[in-house]
Full PDB file with SEQRES, HELIX, SHEET, SSBOND, CRYST1, ORIGX, SCALE, CONECT and MASTER records, all heavy atoms in Angstrom:
SEQRES   1 A   36  LYS ILE ALA GLU VAL ASP PHE GLU LYS ARG ASP PHE ARG          
SEQRES   2 A   36  LYS VAL VAL PHE CYS MET ASP ARG ALA LEU GLU PHE ALA          
SEQRES   3 A   36  PRO ALA CYS HIS ARG PHE LYS ILE LEU LYS                      
HELIX    1 AA1 ILE A    2  GLU A    8  1                                   7    
HELIX    2 AA2 PHE A   12  PHE A   25  1                                  14    
HELIX    3 AA3 HIS A   30  LEU A   35  1                                   6    
CRYST1    1.000    1.000    1.000  90.00  90.00  90.00 P 1           1          
ORIGX1      1.000000  0.000000  0.000000        0.00000                         
ORIGX2      0.000000  1.000000  0.000000        0.00000                         
ORIGX3      0.000000  0.000000  1.000000        0.00000                         
SCALE1      1.000000  0.000000  0.000000        0.00000                         
SCALE2      0.000000  1.000000  0.000000        0.00000                         
SCALE3      0.000000  0.000000  1.000000        0.00000                         
ATOM      1  N   LYS A   1      99.125  95.700 110.812  1.00  0.00           N  
ATOM      2  CA  LYS A   1      99.301  96.951 110.044  1.00  0.00           C  
ATOM      3  C   LYS A   1      99.570  98.104 111.004  1.00  0.00           C  
ATOM      4  O   LYS A   1     100.436  98.923 110.780  1.00  0.00           O  
ATOM      5  CB  LYS A   1      98.077  97.236 109.195  1.00  0.00           C  
ATOM      6  CG  LYS A   1      98.018  96.482 107.906  1.00  0.00           C  
ATOM      7  CD  LYS A   1      96.778  96.916 107.068  1.00  0.00           C  
ATOM      8  CE  LYS A   1      96.440  95.793 106.074  1.00  0.00           C  
ATOM      9  NZ  LYS A   1      95.002  95.674 105.842  1.00  0.00           N  
ATOM     10  N   ILE A   2      98.718  98.215 112.027  1.00  0.00           N  
ATOM     11  CA  ILE A   2      98.859  99.297 113.007  1.00  0.00           C  
ATOM     12  C   ILE A   2     100.253  99.224 113.690  1.00  0.00           C  
ATOM     13  O   ILE A   2     100.909 100.250 113.808  1.00  0.00           O  
ATOM     14  CB  ILE A   2      97.732  99.237 114.060  1.00  0.00           C  
ATOM     15  CG1 ILE A   2      96.377  99.465 113.383  1.00  0.00           C  
ATOM     16  CG2 ILE A   2      97.978 100.263 115.170  1.00  0.00           C  
ATOM     17  CD1 ILE A   2      95.172  99.138 114.307  1.00  0.00           C  
ATOM     18  N   ALA A   3     100.633  98.022 114.075  1.00  0.00           N  
ATOM     19  CA  ALA A   3     101.929  97.852 114.748  1.00  0.00           C  
ATOM     20  C   ALA A   3     103.091  98.275 113.847  1.00  0.00           C  
ATOM     21  O   ALA A   3     104.037  98.881 114.305  1.00  0.00           O  
ATOM     22  CB  ALA A   3     102.097  96.387 115.165  1.00  0.00           C  
ATOM     23  N   GLU A   4     102.961  97.934 112.560  1.00  0.00           N  
ATOM     24  CA  GLU A   4     104.019  98.299 111.599  1.00  0.00           C  
ATOM     25  C   GLU A   4     104.193  99.808 111.532  1.00  0.00           C  
ATOM     26  O   GLU A   4     105.268 100.348 111.609  1.00  0.00           O  
ATOM     27  CB  GLU A   4     103.698  97.733 110.261  1.00  0.00           C  
ATOM     28  CG  GLU A   4     104.833  97.644 109.277  1.00  0.00           C  
ATOM     29  CD  GLU A   4     104.471  96.998 107.972  1.00  0.00           C  
ATOM     30  OE1 GLU A   4     103.799  95.924 107.997  1.00  0.00           O  
ATOM     31  OE2 GLU A   4     104.770  97.591 106.905  1.00  0.00           O  
ATOM     32  N   VAL A   5     103.060 100.526 111.406  1.00  0.00           N  
ATOM     33  CA  VAL A   5     103.085 101.992 111.351  1.00  0.00           C  
ATOM     34  C   VAL A   5     103.640 102.573 112.650  1.00  0.00           C  
ATOM     35  O   VAL A   5     104.497 103.471 112.616  1.00  0.00           O  
ATOM     36  CB  VAL A   5     101.658 102.534 111.043  1.00  0.00           C  
ATOM     37  CG1 VAL A   5     101.578 104.023 111.251  1.00  0.00           C  
ATOM     38  CG2 VAL A   5     101.214 102.128 109.655  1.00  0.00           C  
ATOM     39  N   ASP A   6     103.153 102.036 113.792  1.00  0.00           N  
ATOM     40  CA  ASP A   6     103.602 102.588 115.075  1.00  0.00           C  
ATOM     41  C   ASP A   6     105.048 102.260 115.356  1.00  0.00           C  
ATOM     42  O   ASP A   6     105.705 103.078 116.022  1.00  0.00           O  
ATOM     43  CB  ASP A   6     102.684 102.078 116.208  1.00  0.00           C  
ATOM     44  CG  ASP A   6     101.322 102.761 116.151  1.00  0.00           C  
ATOM     45  OD1 ASP A   6     101.243 103.951 115.844  1.00  0.00           O  
ATOM     46  OD2 ASP A   6     100.306 102.021 116.435  1.00  0.00           O  
ATOM     47  N   PHE A   7     105.562 101.162 114.891  1.00  0.00           N  
ATOM     48  CA  PHE A   7     106.972 100.840 115.045  1.00  0.00           C  
ATOM     49  C   PHE A   7     107.823 101.887 114.321  1.00  0.00           C  
ATOM     50  O   PHE A   7     108.821 102.376 114.850  1.00  0.00           O  
ATOM     51  CB  PHE A   7     107.303  99.425 114.543  1.00  0.00           C  
ATOM     52  CG  PHE A   7     108.683  98.975 114.912  1.00  0.00           C  
ATOM     53  CD1 PHE A   7     108.905  98.354 116.124  1.00  0.00           C  
ATOM     54  CD2 PHE A   7     109.763  99.143 114.038  1.00  0.00           C  
ATOM     55  CE1 PHE A   7     110.160  97.937 116.462  1.00  0.00           C  
ATOM     56  CE2 PHE A   7     111.054  98.744 114.396  1.00  0.00           C  
ATOM     57  CZ  PHE A   7     111.254  98.128 115.600  1.00  0.00           C  
ATOM     58  N   GLU A   8     107.388 102.214 113.106  1.00  0.00           N  
ATOM     59  CA  GLU A   8     108.116 103.261 112.336  1.00  0.00           C  
ATOM     60  C   GLU A   8     108.060 104.585 113.074  1.00  0.00           C  
ATOM     61  O   GLU A   8     109.037 105.362 113.028  1.00  0.00           O  
ATOM     62  CB  GLU A   8     107.461 103.414 110.943  1.00  0.00           C  
ATOM     63  CG  GLU A   8     107.659 102.234 110.030  1.00  0.00           C  
ATOM     64  CD  GLU A   8     109.112 101.932 109.739  1.00  0.00           C  
ATOM     65  OE1 GLU A   8     109.908 102.861 109.464  1.00  0.00           O  
ATOM     66  OE2 GLU A   8     109.487 100.732 109.811  1.00  0.00           O  
ATOM     67  N   LYS A   9     106.920 104.887 113.764  1.00  0.00           N  
ATOM     68  CA  LYS A   9     106.817 106.137 114.514  1.00  0.00           C  
ATOM     69  C   LYS A   9     107.480 106.040 115.879  1.00  0.00           C  
ATOM     70  O   LYS A   9     107.434 107.017 116.661  1.00  0.00           O  
ATOM     71  CB  LYS A   9     105.315 106.459 114.746  1.00  0.00           C  
ATOM     72  CG  LYS A   9     104.559 106.872 113.504  1.00  0.00           C  
ATOM     73  CD  LYS A   9     103.239 107.479 113.968  1.00  0.00           C  
ATOM     74  CE  LYS A   9     102.065 106.826 113.319  1.00  0.00           C  
ATOM     75  NZ  LYS A   9     100.787 107.169 113.920  1.00  0.00           N  
ATOM     76  N   ARG A  10     108.045 104.881 116.199  1.00  0.00           N  
ATOM     77  CA  ARG A  10     108.731 104.620 117.450  1.00  0.00           C  
ATOM     78  C   ARG A  10     107.758 104.694 118.642  1.00  0.00           C  
ATOM     79  O   ARG A  10     108.160 105.052 119.761  1.00  0.00           O  
ATOM     80  CB  ARG A  10     109.966 105.530 117.650  1.00  0.00           C  
ATOM     81  CG  ARG A  10     110.959 105.384 116.499  1.00  0.00           C  
ATOM     82  CD  ARG A  10     112.207 106.170 116.684  1.00  0.00           C  
ATOM     83  NE  ARG A  10     113.009 105.760 117.878  1.00  0.00           N  
ATOM     84  CZ  ARG A  10     113.794 104.665 117.917  1.00  0.00           C  
ATOM     85  NH1 ARG A  10     113.878 103.855 116.907  1.00  0.00           N  
ATOM     86  NH2 ARG A  10     114.480 104.394 118.997  1.00  0.00           N  
ATOM     87  N   ASP A  11     106.487 104.400 118.388  1.00  0.00           N  
ATOM     88  CA  ASP A  11     105.483 104.326 119.483  1.00  0.00           C  
ATOM     89  C   ASP A  11     105.444 102.897 119.943  1.00  0.00           C  
ATOM     90  O   ASP A  11     104.514 102.146 119.622  1.00  0.00           O  
ATOM     91  CB  ASP A  11     104.127 104.812 118.961  1.00  0.00           C  
ATOM     92  CG  ASP A  11     103.061 104.883 120.051  1.00  0.00           C  
ATOM     93  OD1 ASP A  11     103.332 104.394 121.183  1.00  0.00           O  
ATOM     94  OD2 ASP A  11     101.974 105.436 119.780  1.00  0.00           O  
ATOM     95  N   PHE A  12     106.457 102.466 120.711  1.00  0.00           N  
ATOM     96  CA  PHE A  12     106.628 101.080 121.090  1.00  0.00           C  
ATOM     97  C   PHE A  12     105.553 100.537 122.037  1.00  0.00           C  
ATOM     98  O   PHE A  12     105.211  99.395 121.995  1.00  0.00           O  
ATOM     99  CB  PHE A  12     108.036 100.861 121.643  1.00  0.00           C  
ATOM    100  CG  PHE A  12     109.114 101.282 120.689  1.00  0.00           C  
ATOM    101  CD1 PHE A  12     110.035 102.208 121.072  1.00  0.00           C  
ATOM    102  CD2 PHE A  12     109.158 100.768 119.404  1.00  0.00           C  
ATOM    103  CE1 PHE A  12     111.047 102.639 120.198  1.00  0.00           C  
ATOM    104  CE2 PHE A  12     110.137 101.150 118.499  1.00  0.00           C  
ATOM    105  CZ  PHE A  12     111.099 102.079 118.904  1.00  0.00           C  
ATOM    106  N   ARG A  13     105.006 101.472 122.849  1.00  0.00           N  
ATOM    107  CA  ARG A  13     103.893 101.043 123.740  1.00  0.00           C  
ATOM    108  C   ARG A  13     102.711 100.582 122.953  1.00  0.00           C  
ATOM    109  O   ARG A  13     102.092  99.572 123.284  1.00  0.00           O  
ATOM    110  CB  ARG A  13     103.516 102.207 124.673  1.00  0.00           C  
ATOM    111  CG  ARG A  13     103.952 102.006 126.133  1.00  0.00           C  
ATOM    112  CD  ARG A  13     103.309 102.913 127.124  1.00  0.00           C  
ATOM    113  NE  ARG A  13     103.515 104.337 126.958  1.00  0.00           N  
ATOM    114  CZ  ARG A  13     104.647 104.975 127.115  1.00  0.00           C  
ATOM    115  NH1 ARG A  13     105.748 104.323 127.366  1.00  0.00           N  
ATOM    116  NH2 ARG A  13     104.712 106.285 126.965  1.00  0.00           N  
ATOM    117  N   LYS A  14     102.421 101.318 121.892  1.00  0.00           N  
ATOM    118  CA  LYS A  14     101.278 100.942 121.044  1.00  0.00           C  
ATOM    119  C   LYS A  14     101.535  99.622 120.340  1.00  0.00           C  
ATOM    120  O   LYS A  14     100.633  98.802 120.173  1.00  0.00           O  
ATOM    121  CB  LYS A  14     100.989 102.050 120.046  1.00  0.00           C  
ATOM    122  CG  LYS A  14      99.708 101.823 119.250  1.00  0.00           C  
ATOM    123  CD  LYS A  14      98.675 102.935 119.420  1.00  0.00           C  
ATOM    124  CE  LYS A  14      97.481 102.730 118.549  1.00  0.00           C  
ATOM    125  NZ  LYS A  14      97.432 103.584 117.366  1.00  0.00           N  
ATOM    126  N   VAL A  15     102.789  99.380 119.926  1.00  0.00           N  
ATOM    127  CA  VAL A  15     103.134  98.163 119.270  1.00  0.00           C  
ATOM    128  C   VAL A  15     102.939  96.993 120.225  1.00  0.00           C  
ATOM    129  O   VAL A  15     102.360  95.926 119.856  1.00  0.00           O  
ATOM    130  CB  VAL A  15     104.597  98.159 118.692  1.00  0.00           C  
ATOM    131  CG1 VAL A  15     104.943  96.799 118.133  1.00  0.00           C  
ATOM    132  CG2 VAL A  15     104.777  99.269 117.675  1.00  0.00           C  
ATOM    133  N   VAL A  16     103.351  97.163 121.480  1.00  0.00           N  
ATOM    134  CA  VAL A  16     103.189  96.118 122.487  1.00  0.00           C  
ATOM    135  C   VAL A  16     101.674  95.836 122.685  1.00  0.00           C  
ATOM    136  O   VAL A  16     101.271  94.655 122.689  1.00  0.00           O  
ATOM    137  CB  VAL A  16     103.813  96.513 123.864  1.00  0.00           C  
ATOM    138  CG1 VAL A  16     103.417  95.546 124.929  1.00  0.00           C  
ATOM    139  CG2 VAL A  16     105.340  96.550 123.742  1.00  0.00           C  
ATOM    140  N   PHE A  17     100.894  96.882 122.737  1.00  0.00           N  
ATOM    141  CA  PHE A  17      99.445  96.714 122.834  1.00  0.00           C  
ATOM    142  C   PHE A  17      98.898  95.912 121.676  1.00  0.00           C  
ATOM    143  O   PHE A  17      98.130  94.938 121.838  1.00  0.00           O  
ATOM    144  CB  PHE A  17      98.746  98.082 122.881  1.00  0.00           C  
ATOM    145  CG  PHE A  17      97.252  98.020 122.804  1.00  0.00           C  
ATOM    146  CD1 PHE A  17      96.502  97.771 123.981  1.00  0.00           C  
ATOM    147  CD2 PHE A  17      96.584  98.184 121.616  1.00  0.00           C  
ATOM    148  CE1 PHE A  17      95.119  97.645 123.890  1.00  0.00           C  
ATOM    149  CE2 PHE A  17      95.181  98.078 121.521  1.00  0.00           C  
ATOM    150  CZ  PHE A  17      94.458  97.820 122.682  1.00  0.00           C  
ATOM    151  N   CYS A  18      99.306  96.278 120.439  1.00  0.00           N  
ATOM    152  CA  CYS A  18      98.814  95.567 119.261  1.00  0.00           C  
ATOM    153  C   CYS A  18      99.251  94.101 119.235  1.00  0.00           C  
ATOM    154  O   CYS A  18      98.473  93.207 118.869  1.00  0.00           O  
ATOM    155  CB  CYS A  18      99.350  96.250 117.976  1.00  0.00           C  
ATOM    156  SG  CYS A  18      98.524  97.812 117.645  1.00  0.00           S  
ATOM    157  N   MET A  19     100.484  93.834 119.656  1.00  0.00           N  
ATOM    158  CA  MET A  19     100.955  92.457 119.652  1.00  0.00           C  
ATOM    159  C   MET A  19     100.236  91.665 120.728  1.00  0.00           C  
ATOM    160  O   MET A  19      99.892  90.485 120.522  1.00  0.00           O  
ATOM    161  CB  MET A  19     102.504  92.422 119.883  1.00  0.00           C  
ATOM    162  CG  MET A  19     103.280  92.912 118.700  1.00  0.00           C  
ATOM    163  SD  MET A  19     102.931  91.998 117.143  1.00  0.00           S  
ATOM    164  CE  MET A  19     101.719  92.988 116.344  1.00  0.00           C  
ATOM    165  N   ASP A  20      99.934  92.252 121.857  1.00  0.00           N  
ATOM    166  CA  ASP A  20      99.128  91.548 122.891  1.00  0.00           C  
ATOM    167  C   ASP A  20      97.791  91.153 122.295  1.00  0.00           C  
ATOM    168  O   ASP A  20      97.300  90.051 122.514  1.00  0.00           O  
ATOM    169  CB  ASP A  20      98.938  92.449 124.138  1.00  0.00           C  
ATOM    170  CG  ASP A  20     100.124  92.400 125.061  1.00  0.00           C  
ATOM    171  OD1 ASP A  20     100.945  91.481 124.995  1.00  0.00           O  
ATOM    172  OD2 ASP A  20     100.261  93.388 125.866  1.00  0.00           O  
ATOM    173  N   ARG A  21      97.106  92.056 121.608  1.00  0.00           N  
ATOM    174  CA  ARG A  21      95.805  91.772 121.005  1.00  0.00           C  
ATOM    175  C   ARG A  21      95.970  90.677 119.978  1.00  0.00           C  
ATOM    176  O   ARG A  21      95.149  89.752 119.877  1.00  0.00           O  
ATOM    177  CB  ARG A  21      95.198  93.016 120.353  1.00  0.00           C  
ATOM    178  CG  ARG A  21      94.905  94.186 121.288  1.00  0.00           C  
ATOM    179  CD  ARG A  21      93.859  93.966 122.365  1.00  0.00           C  
ATOM    180  NE  ARG A  21      94.292  93.277 123.545  1.00  0.00           N  
ATOM    181  CZ  ARG A  21      95.119  93.747 124.476  1.00  0.00           C  
ATOM    182  NH1 ARG A  21      95.650  94.950 124.349  1.00  0.00           N  
ATOM    183  NH2 ARG A  21      95.449  93.023 125.536  1.00  0.00           N  
ATOM    184  N   ALA A  22      96.976  90.786 119.085  1.00  0.00           N  
ATOM    185  CA  ALA A  22      97.170  89.821 118.018  1.00  0.00           C  
ATOM    186  C   ALA A  22      97.462  88.430 118.591  1.00  0.00           C  
ATOM    187  O   ALA A  22      96.981  87.432 118.088  1.00  0.00           O  
ATOM    188  CB  ALA A  22      98.307  90.256 117.094  1.00  0.00           C  
ATOM    189  N   LEU A  23      98.221  88.390 119.668  1.00  0.00           N  
ATOM    190  CA  LEU A  23      98.609  87.121 120.306  1.00  0.00           C  
ATOM    191  C   LEU A  23      97.393  86.403 120.949  1.00  0.00           C  
ATOM    192  O   LEU A  23      97.452  85.195 121.167  1.00  0.00           O  
ATOM    193  CB  LEU A  23      99.722  87.288 121.318  1.00  0.00           C  
ATOM    194  CG  LEU A  23     101.111  87.478 120.719  1.00  0.00           C  
ATOM    195  CD1 LEU A  23     102.076  88.099 121.713  1.00  0.00           C  
ATOM    196  CD2 LEU A  23     101.631  86.187 120.149  1.00  0.00           C  
ATOM    197  N   GLU A  24      96.289  87.136 121.183  1.00  0.00           N  
ATOM    198  CA  GLU A  24      95.085  86.491 121.688  1.00  0.00           C  
ATOM    199  C   GLU A  24      94.521  85.522 120.628  1.00  0.00           C  
ATOM    200  O   GLU A  24      93.927  84.503 120.984  1.00  0.00           O  
ATOM    201  CB  GLU A  24      94.002  87.547 122.025  1.00  0.00           C  
ATOM    202  CG  GLU A  24      94.383  88.375 123.269  1.00  0.00           C  
ATOM    203  CD  GLU A  24      93.419  89.547 123.476  1.00  0.00           C  
ATOM    204  OE1 GLU A  24      92.334  89.609 122.823  1.00  0.00           O  
ATOM    205  OE2 GLU A  24      93.753  90.414 124.275  1.00  0.00           O  
ATOM    206  N   PHE A  25      94.741  85.841 119.347  1.00  0.00           N  
ATOM    207  CA  PHE A  25      94.269  85.006 118.251  1.00  0.00           C  
ATOM    208  C   PHE A  25      95.362  84.128 117.699  1.00  0.00           C  
ATOM    209  O   PHE A  25      95.110  83.137 117.081  1.00  0.00           O  
ATOM    210  CB  PHE A  25      93.710  85.863 117.112  1.00  0.00           C  
ATOM    211  CG  PHE A  25      92.583  86.764 117.528  1.00  0.00           C  
ATOM    212  CD1 PHE A  25      92.762  88.118 117.753  1.00  0.00           C  
ATOM    213  CD2 PHE A  25      91.283  86.226 117.709  1.00  0.00           C  
ATOM    214  CE1 PHE A  25      91.723  88.922 118.117  1.00  0.00           C  
ATOM    215  CE2 PHE A  25      90.221  87.027 118.124  1.00  0.00           C  
ATOM    216  CZ  PHE A  25      90.440  88.369 118.323  1.00  0.00           C  
ATOM    217  N   ALA A  26      96.627  84.541 117.904  1.00  0.00           N  
ATOM    218  CA  ALA A  26      97.774  83.827 117.352  1.00  0.00           C  
ATOM    219  C   ALA A  26      98.804  83.506 118.438  1.00  0.00           C  
ATOM    220  O   ALA A  26      99.913  84.003 118.423  1.00  0.00           O  
ATOM    221  CB  ALA A  26      98.427  84.727 116.281  1.00  0.00           C  
ATOM    222  N   PRO A  27      98.382  82.684 119.421  1.00  0.00           N  
ATOM    223  CA  PRO A  27      99.234  82.411 120.579  1.00  0.00           C  
ATOM    224  C   PRO A  27     100.555  81.715 120.273  1.00  0.00           C  
ATOM    225  O   PRO A  27     101.491  81.746 121.099  1.00  0.00           O  
ATOM    226  CB  PRO A  27      98.356  81.550 121.477  1.00  0.00           C  
ATOM    227  CG  PRO A  27      97.426  80.873 120.537  1.00  0.00           C  
ATOM    228  CD  PRO A  27      97.151  81.836 119.441  1.00  0.00           C  
ATOM    229  N   ALA A  28     100.692  81.091 119.113  1.00  0.00           N  
ATOM    230  CA  ALA A  28     101.896  80.376 118.776  1.00  0.00           C  
ATOM    231  C   ALA A  28     102.787  81.129 117.765  1.00  0.00           C  
ATOM    232  O   ALA A  28     103.691  80.553 117.175  1.00  0.00           O  
ATOM    233  CB  ALA A  28     101.545  79.006 118.250  1.00  0.00           C  
ATOM    234  N   CYS A  29     102.515  82.421 117.622  1.00  0.00           N  
ATOM    235  CA  CYS A  29     103.276  83.203 116.617  1.00  0.00           C  
ATOM    236  C   CYS A  29     104.578  83.748 117.223  1.00  0.00           C  
ATOM    237  O   CYS A  29     104.535  84.712 118.035  1.00  0.00           O  
ATOM    238  CB  CYS A  29     102.395  84.345 116.078  1.00  0.00           C  
ATOM    239  SG  CYS A  29     103.283  85.321 114.824  1.00  0.00           S  
ATOM    240  N   HIS A  30     105.691  83.192 116.794  1.00  0.00           N  
ATOM    241  CA  HIS A  30     107.014  83.654 117.300  1.00  0.00           C  
ATOM    242  C   HIS A  30     107.273  85.092 116.875  1.00  0.00           C  
ATOM    243  O   HIS A  30     107.813  85.875 117.621  1.00  0.00           O  
ATOM    244  CB  HIS A  30     108.115  82.744 116.821  1.00  0.00           C  
ATOM    245  CG  HIS A  30     107.984  81.295 117.312  1.00  0.00           C  
ATOM    246  ND1 HIS A  30     107.856  81.037 118.649  1.00  0.00           N  
ATOM    247  CD2 HIS A  30     107.972  80.147 116.694  1.00  0.00           C  
ATOM    248  CE1 HIS A  30     107.784  79.751 118.813  1.00  0.00           C  
ATOM    249  NE2 HIS A  30     107.825  79.145 117.637  1.00  0.00           N  
ATOM    250  N   ARG A  31     106.888  85.432 115.646  1.00  0.00           N  
ATOM    251  CA  ARG A  31     107.160  86.756 115.122  1.00  0.00           C  
ATOM    252  C   ARG A  31     106.534  87.847 115.981  1.00  0.00           C  
ATOM    253  O   ARG A  31     107.154  88.860 116.306  1.00  0.00           O  
ATOM    254  CB  ARG A  31     106.603  86.840 113.666  1.00  0.00           C  
ATOM    255  CG  ARG A  31     107.033  87.980 112.847  1.00  0.00           C  
ATOM    256  CD  ARG A  31     106.646  87.766 111.387  1.00  0.00           C  
ATOM    257  NE  ARG A  31     105.378  87.064 111.191  1.00  0.00           N  
ATOM    258  CZ  ARG A  31     104.183  87.670 110.995  1.00  0.00           C  
ATOM    259  NH1 ARG A  31     104.125  88.958 111.013  1.00  0.00           N  
ATOM    260  NH2 ARG A  31     103.080  86.945 110.806  1.00  0.00           N  
ATOM    261  N   PHE A  32     105.286  87.635 116.385  1.00  0.00           N  
ATOM    262  CA  PHE A  32     104.605  88.619 117.270  1.00  0.00           C  
ATOM    263  C   PHE A  32     105.284  88.718 118.600  1.00  0.00           C  
ATOM    264  O   PHE A  32     105.433  89.788 119.191  1.00  0.00           O  
ATOM    265  CB  PHE A  32     103.143  88.282 117.404  1.00  0.00           C  
ATOM    266  CG  PHE A  32     102.298  88.332 116.191  1.00  0.00           C  
ATOM    267  CD1 PHE A  32     100.985  87.799 116.171  1.00  0.00           C  
ATOM    268  CD2 PHE A  32     102.742  88.958 115.023  1.00  0.00           C  
ATOM    269  CE1 PHE A  32     100.214  87.882 115.035  1.00  0.00           C  
ATOM    270  CE2 PHE A  32     101.957  88.999 113.847  1.00  0.00           C  
ATOM    271  CZ  PHE A  32     100.701  88.454 113.872  1.00  0.00           C  
ATOM    272  N   LYS A  33     105.670  87.581 119.165  1.00  0.00           N  
ATOM    273  CA  LYS A  33     106.329  87.542 120.475  1.00  0.00           C  
ATOM    274  C   LYS A  33     107.664  88.273 120.415  1.00  0.00           C  
ATOM    275  O   LYS A  33     108.015  89.020 121.343  1.00  0.00           O  
ATOM    276  CB  LYS A  33     106.513  86.106 120.962  1.00  0.00           C  
ATOM    277  CG  LYS A  33     105.223  85.449 121.349  1.00  0.00           C  
ATOM    278  CD  LYS A  33     105.426  83.985 121.716  1.00  0.00           C  
ATOM    279  CE  LYS A  33     104.119  83.283 121.974  1.00  0.00           C  
ATOM    280  NZ  LYS A  33     104.280  81.864 122.239  1.00  0.00           N  
ATOM    281  N   ILE A  34     108.454  88.057 119.376  1.00  0.00           N  
ATOM    282  CA  ILE A  34     109.721  88.706 119.188  1.00  0.00           C  
ATOM    283  C   ILE A  34     109.593  90.202 119.066  1.00  0.00           C  
ATOM    284  O   ILE A  34     110.323  90.997 119.684  1.00  0.00           O  
ATOM    285  CB  ILE A  34     110.514  88.091 118.025  1.00  0.00           C  
ATOM    286  CG1 ILE A  34     110.975  86.666 118.385  1.00  0.00           C  
ATOM    287  CG2 ILE A  34     111.725  88.954 117.654  1.00  0.00           C  
ATOM    288  CD1 ILE A  34     111.436  85.842 117.187  1.00  0.00           C  
ATOM    289  N   LEU A  35     108.618  90.642 118.269  1.00  0.00           N  
ATOM    290  CA  LEU A  35     108.380  92.087 118.092  1.00  0.00           C  
ATOM    291  C   LEU A  35     107.960  92.697 119.394  1.00  0.00           C  
ATOM    292  O   LEU A  35     108.424  93.800 119.802  1.00  0.00           O  
ATOM    293  CB  LEU A  35     107.304  92.334 117.018  1.00  0.00           C  
ATOM    294  CG  LEU A  35     106.954  93.803 116.758  1.00  0.00           C  
ATOM    295  CD1 LEU A  35     108.192  94.592 116.332  1.00  0.00           C  
ATOM    296  CD2 LEU A  35     105.896  93.879 115.651  1.00  0.00           C  
ATOM    297  N   LYS A  36     107.091  92.007 120.162  1.00  0.00           N  
ATOM    298  CA  LYS A  36     106.690  92.525 121.493  1.00  0.00           C  
ATOM    299  C   LYS A  36     107.896  92.630 122.417  1.00  0.00           C  
ATOM    300  O   LYS A  36     108.109  93.648 123.095  1.00  0.00           O  
ATOM    301  CB  LYS A  36     105.642  91.586 122.084  1.00  0.00           C  
ATOM    302  CG  LYS A  36     105.226  91.982 123.490  1.00  0.00           C  
ATOM    303  CD  LYS A  36     104.218  91.023 124.081  1.00  0.00           C  
ATOM    304  CE  LYS A  36     103.916  91.387 125.540  1.00  0.00           C  
ATOM    305  NZ  LYS A  36     102.928  90.447 126.126  1.00  0.00           N  
TER     306      LYS A  36                                                      
MASTER        0    0    0    3    0    0    0    6  305    1    0    3          
END                                                                             
């Protein structure tokens, strides 16, 4: 949710941060990797 909002705000650094955290729990998620 946070990444979605920050992507809209063009705060890409924060999206990368969020995707890094999400990937700790979802290491096989292609969607998160592509967004990052």
